[in-house]
Amino acid sequence: MRWETWSDFWFMGGYGLYVWGSVGMTALLLLLEMVQANQAHRRALALARSESLSEHP
């Protein structure tokens, strides 16, 4: 597809709302996934540290 202007690009032949809404939702969900993965990683590290300290007095 070829766009003559930036507004044509953003409008995407009438499908812009769906295209950019999908892009936005995907970006939001990927960001949420990264935040949750980071939190799970930190919890796992904290649990490993606490187990390691409780095993070695």
PDB file of N, CA and C in Angstrom:
ATOM      1  N   MET A   1       0.835  -1.175   0.000  1.00  0.00           N
ATOM      2  CA  MET A   1       0.000   0.000   0.000  1.00  0.00           C
ATOM      3  C   MET A   1       0.877   1.234   0.000  1.00  0.00           C
ATOM      4  N   ARG A   2       0.483   2.231  -0.742  1.00  0.00           N
ATOM      5  CA  ARG A   2       1.261   3.458  -0.834  1.00  0.00           C
ATOM      6  C   ARG A   2       0.428   4.616  -0.299  1.00  0.00           C
ATOM      7  N   TRP A   3       1.045   5.409   0.570  1.00  0.00           N
ATOM      8  CA  TRP A   3       0.354   6.550   1.162  1.00  0.00           C
ATOM      9  C   TRP A   3       0.962   7.831   0.632  1.00  0.00           C
ATOM     10  N   GLU A   4       0.104   8.745   0.262  1.00  0.00           N
ATOM     11  CA  GLU A   4       0.558  10.026  -0.284  1.00  0.00           C
ATOM     12  C   GLU A   4       0.854  11.040   0.819  1.00  0.00           C
ATOM     13  N   THR A   5       0.140  10.955   1.931  1.00  0.00           N
ATOM     14  CA  THR A   5       0.329  11.896   3.043  1.00  0.00           C
ATOM     15  C   THR A   5       0.402  11.111   4.353  1.00  0.00           C
ATOM     16  N   TRP A   6       0.833  11.808   5.387  1.00  0.00           N
ATOM     17  CA  TRP A   6       0.880  11.181   6.703  1.00  0.00           C
ATOM     18  C   TRP A   6      -0.521  10.852   7.196  1.00  0.00           C
ATOM     19  N   SER A   7      -1.490  11.706   6.889  1.00  0.00           N
ATOM     20  CA  SER A   7      -2.848  11.411   7.349  1.00  0.00           C
ATOM     21  C   SER A   7      -3.379  10.145   6.671  1.00  0.00           C
ATOM     22  N   ASP A   8      -3.000   9.911   5.412  1.00  0.00           N
ATOM     23  CA  ASP A   8      -3.371   8.652   4.751  1.00  0.00           C
ATOM     24  C   ASP A   8      -2.757   7.459   5.482  1.00  0.00           C
ATOM     25  N   PHE A   9      -1.508   7.636   5.896  1.00  0.00           N
ATOM     26  CA  PHE A   9      -0.824   6.571   6.629  1.00  0.00           C
ATOM     27  C   PHE A   9      -1.554   6.263   7.938  1.00  0.00           C
ATOM     28  N   TRP A  10      -1.882   7.291   8.729  1.00  0.00           N
ATOM     29  CA  TRP A  10      -2.551   7.084  10.004  1.00  0.00           C
ATOM     30  C   TRP A  10      -3.969   6.549   9.824  1.00  0.00           C
ATOM     31  N   PHE A  11      -4.648   6.959   8.766  1.00  0.00           N
ATOM     32  CA  PHE A  11      -6.024   6.545   8.508  1.00  0.00           C
ATOM     33  C   PHE A  11      -6.089   5.112   7.974  1.00  0.00           C
ATOM     34  N   MET A  12      -5.046   4.686   7.277  1.00  0.00           N
ATOM     35  CA  MET A  12      -4.915   3.319   6.761  1.00  0.00           C
ATOM     36  C   MET A  12      -6.127   2.872   5.934  1.00  0.00           C
ATOM     37  N   GLY A  13      -6.583   3.738   5.073  1.00  0.00           N
ATOM     38  CA  GLY A  13      -7.686   3.373   4.196  1.00  0.00           C
ATOM     39  C   GLY A  13      -8.985   3.078   4.936  1.00  0.00           C
ATOM     40  N   GLY A  14      -9.173   3.709   6.085  1.00  0.00           N
ATOM     41  CA  GLY A  14     -10.382   3.509   6.867  1.00  0.00           C
ATOM     42  C   GLY A  14     -10.243   2.483   7.980  1.00  0.00           C
ATOM     43  N   TYR A  15      -9.103   1.799   8.024  1.00  0.00           N
ATOM     44  CA  TYR A  15      -8.883   0.765   9.041  1.00  0.00           C
ATOM     45  C   TYR A  15      -7.916   1.216  10.129  1.00  0.00           C
ATOM     46  N   GLY A  16      -7.588   2.480  10.154  1.00  0.00           N
ATOM     47  CA  GLY A  16      -6.612   3.002  11.109  1.00  0.00           C
ATOM     48  C   GLY A  16      -6.967   2.739  12.557  1.00  0.00           C
ATOM     49  N   LEU A  17      -8.236   2.901  12.903  1.00  0.00           N
ATOM     50  CA  LEU A  17      -8.656   2.666  14.288  1.00  0.00           C
ATOM     51  C   LEU A  17      -8.362   1.224  14.702  1.00  0.00           C
ATOM     52  N   TYR A  18      -8.651   0.293  13.846  1.00  0.00           N
ATOM     53  CA  TYR A  18      -8.411  -1.113  14.155  1.00  0.00           C
ATOM     54  C   TYR A  18      -6.915  -1.432  14.166  1.00  0.00           C
ATOM     55  N   VAL A  19      -6.196  -0.920  13.174  1.00  0.00           N
ATOM     56  CA  VAL A  19      -4.755  -1.183  13.086  1.00  0.00           C
ATOM     57  C   VAL A  19      -4.036  -0.591  14.281  1.00  0.00           C
ATOM     58  N   TRP A  20      -4.232   0.701  14.542  1.00  0.00           N
ATOM     59  CA  TRP A  20      -3.500   1.358  15.618  1.00  0.00           C
ATOM     60  C   TRP A  20      -4.012   0.931  16.986  1.00  0.00           C
ATOM     61  N   GLY A  21      -5.290   0.591  17.076  1.00  0.00           N
ATOM     62  CA  GLY A  21      -5.798   0.033  18.326  1.00  0.00           C
ATOM     63  C   GLY A  21      -5.150  -1.301  18.638  1.00  0.00           C
ATOM     64  N   SER A  22      -4.968  -2.125  17.618  1.00  0.00           N
ATOM     65  CA  SER A  22      -4.310  -3.422  17.798  1.00  0.00           C
ATOM     66  C   SER A  22      -2.838  -3.247  18.166  1.00  0.00           C
ATOM     67  N   VAL A  23      -2.177  -2.326  17.510  1.00  0.00           N
ATOM     68  CA  VAL A  23      -0.770  -2.049  17.819  1.00  0.00           C
ATOM     69  C   VAL A  23      -0.647  -1.560  19.263  1.00  0.00           C
ATOM     70  N   GLY A  24      -1.522  -0.640  19.654  1.00  0.00           N
ATOM     71  CA  GLY A  24      -1.494  -0.110  21.017  1.00  0.00           C
ATOM     72  C   GLY A  24      -1.779  -1.180  22.062  1.00  0.00           C
ATOM     73  N   MET A  25      -2.775  -2.012  21.811  1.00  0.00           N
ATOM     74  CA  MET A  25      -3.123  -3.075  22.758  1.00  0.00           C
ATOM     75  C   MET A  25      -1.982  -4.086  22.869  1.00  0.00           C
ATOM     76  N   THR A  26      -1.361  -4.425  21.759  1.00  0.00           N
ATOM     77  CA  THR A  26      -0.232  -5.360  21.787  1.00  0.00           C
ATOM     78  C   THR A  26       0.930  -4.775  22.581  1.00  0.00           C
ATOM     79  N   ALA A  27       1.235  -3.502  22.356  1.00  0.00           N
ATOM     80  CA  ALA A  27       2.320  -2.852  23.097  1.00  0.00           C
ATOM     81  C   ALA A  27       2.009  -2.825  24.592  1.00  0.00           C
ATOM     82  N   LEU A  28       0.767  -2.510  24.943  1.00  0.00           N
ATOM     83  CA  LEU A  28       0.364  -2.480  26.347  1.00  0.00           C
ATOM     84  C   LEU A  28       0.498  -3.858  26.990  1.00  0.00           C
ATOM     85  N   LEU A  29       0.039  -4.885  26.301  1.00  0.00           N
ATOM     86  CA  LEU A  29       0.127  -6.239  26.852  1.00  0.00           C
ATOM     87  C   LEU A  29       1.567  -6.725  26.959  1.00  0.00           C
ATOM     88  N   LEU A  30       2.419  -6.363  25.999  1.00  0.00           N
ATOM     89  CA  LEU A  30       3.833  -6.732  26.087  1.00  0.00           C
ATOM     90  C   LEU A  30       4.503  -6.039  27.273  1.00  0.00           C
ATOM     91  N   LEU A  31       4.158  -4.781  27.495  1.00  0.00           N
ATOM     92  CA  LEU A  31       4.697  -4.050  28.640  1.00  0.00           C
ATOM     93  C   LEU A  31       4.236  -4.695  29.939  1.00  0.00           C
ATOM     94  N   LEU A  32       2.959  -5.048  30.019  1.00  0.00           N
ATOM     95  CA  LEU A  32       2.434  -5.722  31.201  1.00  0.00           C
ATOM     96  C   LEU A  32       3.141  -7.055  31.428  1.00  0.00           C
ATOM     97  N   GLU A  33       3.375  -7.786  30.370  1.00  0.00           N
ATOM     98  CA  GLU A  33       4.080  -9.078  30.475  1.00  0.00           C
ATOM     99  C   GLU A  33       5.495  -8.882  31.022  1.00  0.00           C
ATOM    100  N   MET A  34       6.196  -7.849  30.544  1.00  0.00           N
ATOM    101  CA  MET A  34       7.550  -7.586  31.027  1.00  0.00           C
ATOM    102  C   MET A  34       7.546  -7.205  32.506  1.00  0.00           C
ATOM    103  N   VAL A  35       6.582  -6.400  32.928  1.00  0.00           N
ATOM    104  CA  VAL A  35       6.487  -6.000  34.335  1.00  0.00           C
ATOM    105  C   VAL A  35       6.217  -7.221  35.206  1.00  0.00           C
ATOM    106  N   GLN A  36       5.268  -8.056  34.799  1.00  0.00           N
ATOM    107  CA  GLN A  36       4.949  -9.246  35.583  1.00  0.00           C
ATOM    108  C   GLN A  36       6.115 -10.232  35.623  1.00  0.00           C
ATOM    109  N   ALA A  37       6.823 -10.393  34.533  1.00  0.00           N
ATOM    110  CA  ALA A  37       7.986 -11.286  34.509  1.00  0.00           C
ATOM    111  C   ALA A  37       9.080 -10.762  35.437  1.00  0.00           C
ATOM    112  N   ASN A  38       9.281  -9.456  35.442  1.00  0.00           N
ATOM    113  CA  ASN A  38      10.284  -8.856  36.316  1.00  0.00           C
ATOM    114  C   ASN A  38       9.906  -9.056  37.784  1.00  0.00           C
ATOM    115  N   GLN A  39       8.632  -8.879  38.115  1.00  0.00           N
ATOM    116  CA  GLN A  39       8.181  -9.089  39.489  1.00  0.00           C
ATOM    117  C   GLN A  39       8.354 -10.558  39.906  1.00  0.00           C
ATOM    118  N   ALA A  40       8.015 -11.474  39.022  1.00  0.00           N
ATOM    119  CA  ALA A  40       8.170 -12.899  39.331  1.00  0.00           C
ATOM    120  C   ALA A  40       9.641 -13.247  39.523  1.00  0.00           C
ATOM    121  N   HIS A  41      10.503 -12.668  38.712  1.00  0.00           N
ATOM    122  CA  HIS A  41      11.942 -12.905  38.835  1.00  0.00           C
ATOM    123  C   HIS A  41      12.452 -12.405  40.184  1.00  0.00           C
ATOM    124  N   ARG A  42      12.034 -11.209  40.570  1.00  0.00           N
ATOM    125  CA  ARG A  42      12.461 -10.664  41.866  1.00  0.00           C
ATOM    126  C   ARG A  42      11.959 -11.522  43.028  1.00  0.00           C
ATOM    127  N   ARG A  43      10.709 -11.987  42.934  1.00  0.00           N
ATOM    128  CA  ARG A  43      10.174 -12.864  43.987  1.00  0.00           C
ATOM    129  C   ARG A  43      10.960 -14.164  44.065  1.00  0.00           C
ATOM    130  N   ALA A  44      11.293 -14.731  42.922  1.00  0.00           N
ATOM    131  CA  ALA A  44      12.054 -15.983  42.898  1.00  0.00           C
ATOM    132  C   ALA A  44      13.442 -15.780  43.497  1.00  0.00           C
ATOM    133  N   LEU A  45      14.092 -14.670  43.178  1.00  0.00           N
ATOM    134  CA  LEU A  45      15.405 -14.387  43.754  1.00  0.00           C
ATOM    135  C   LEU A  45      15.316 -14.201  45.262  1.00  0.00           C
ATOM    136  N   ALA A  46      14.300 -13.488  45.722  1.00  0.00           N
ATOM    137  CA  ALA A  46      14.129 -13.273  47.162  1.00  0.00           C
ATOM    138  C   ALA A  46      13.872 -14.591  47.868  1.00  0.00           C
ATOM    139  N   LEU A  47      13.059 -15.449  47.274  1.00  0.00           N
ATOM    140  CA  LEU A  47      12.790 -16.762  47.865  1.00  0.00           C
ATOM    141  C   LEU A  47      14.070 -17.600  47.905  1.00  0.00           C
ATOM    142  N   ALA A  48      14.839 -17.578  46.836  1.00  0.00           N
ATOM    143  CA  ALA A  48      16.092 -18.342  46.796  1.00  0.00           C
ATOM    144  C   ALA A  48      17.060 -17.823  47.860  1.00  0.00           C
ATOM    145  N   ARG A  49      17.141 -16.502  48.021  1.00  0.00           N
ATOM    146  CA  ARG A  49      18.038 -15.937  49.029  1.00  0.00           C
ATOM    147  C   ARG A  49      17.584 -16.340  50.423  1.00  0.00           C
ATOM    148  N   SER A  50      16.278 -16.251  50.682  1.00  0.00           N
ATOM    149  CA  SER A  50      15.792 -16.597  52.026  1.00  0.00           C
ATOM    150  C   SER A  50      15.989 -18.085  52.317  1.00  0.00           C
ATOM    151  N   GLU A  51      15.804 -18.948  51.340  1.00  0.00           N
ATOM    152  CA  GLU A  51      16.038 -20.372  51.541  1.00  0.00           C
ATOM    153  C   GLU A  51      17.520 -20.660  51.755  1.00  0.00           C
ATOM    154  N   SER A  52      18.357 -19.932  51.035  1.00  0.00           N
ATOM    155  CA  SER A  52      19.798 -20.114  51.165  1.00  0.00           C
ATOM    156  C   SER A  52      20.265 -19.684  52.557  1.00  0.00           C
ATOM    157  N   LEU A  53      19.725 -18.592  53.064  1.00  0.00           N
ATOM    158  CA  LEU A  53      20.117 -18.114  54.390  1.00  0.00           C
ATOM    159  C   LEU A  53      19.589 -19.028  55.496  1.00  0.00           C
ATOM    160  N   SER A  54      18.407 -19.603  55.291  1.00  0.00           N
ATOM    161  CA  SER A  54      17.839 -20.467  56.348  1.00  0.00           C
ATOM    162  C   SER A  54      18.554 -21.829  56.391  1.00  0.00           C
ATOM    163  N   GLU A  55      19.173 -22.250  55.323  1.00  0.00           N
ATOM    164  CA  GLU A  55      19.881 -23.520  55.297  1.00  0.00           C
ATOM    165  C   GLU A  55      21.266 -23.416  55.944  1.00  0.00           C
ATOM    166  N   HIS A  56      21.866 -22.242  55.883  1.00  0.00           N
ATOM    167  CA  HIS A  56      23.226 -22.054  56.404  1.00  0.00           C
ATOM    168  C   HIS A  56      23.156 -21.090  57.598  1.00  0.00           C
ATOM    169  N   PRO A  57      23.150 -21.602  58.812  1.00  0.00           N
ATOM    170  CA  PRO A  57      23.062 -20.715  59.996  1.00  0.00           C
ATOM    171  C   PRO A  57      24.307 -19.923  60.245  1.00  0.00           C
TER     172      PRO A  57
END
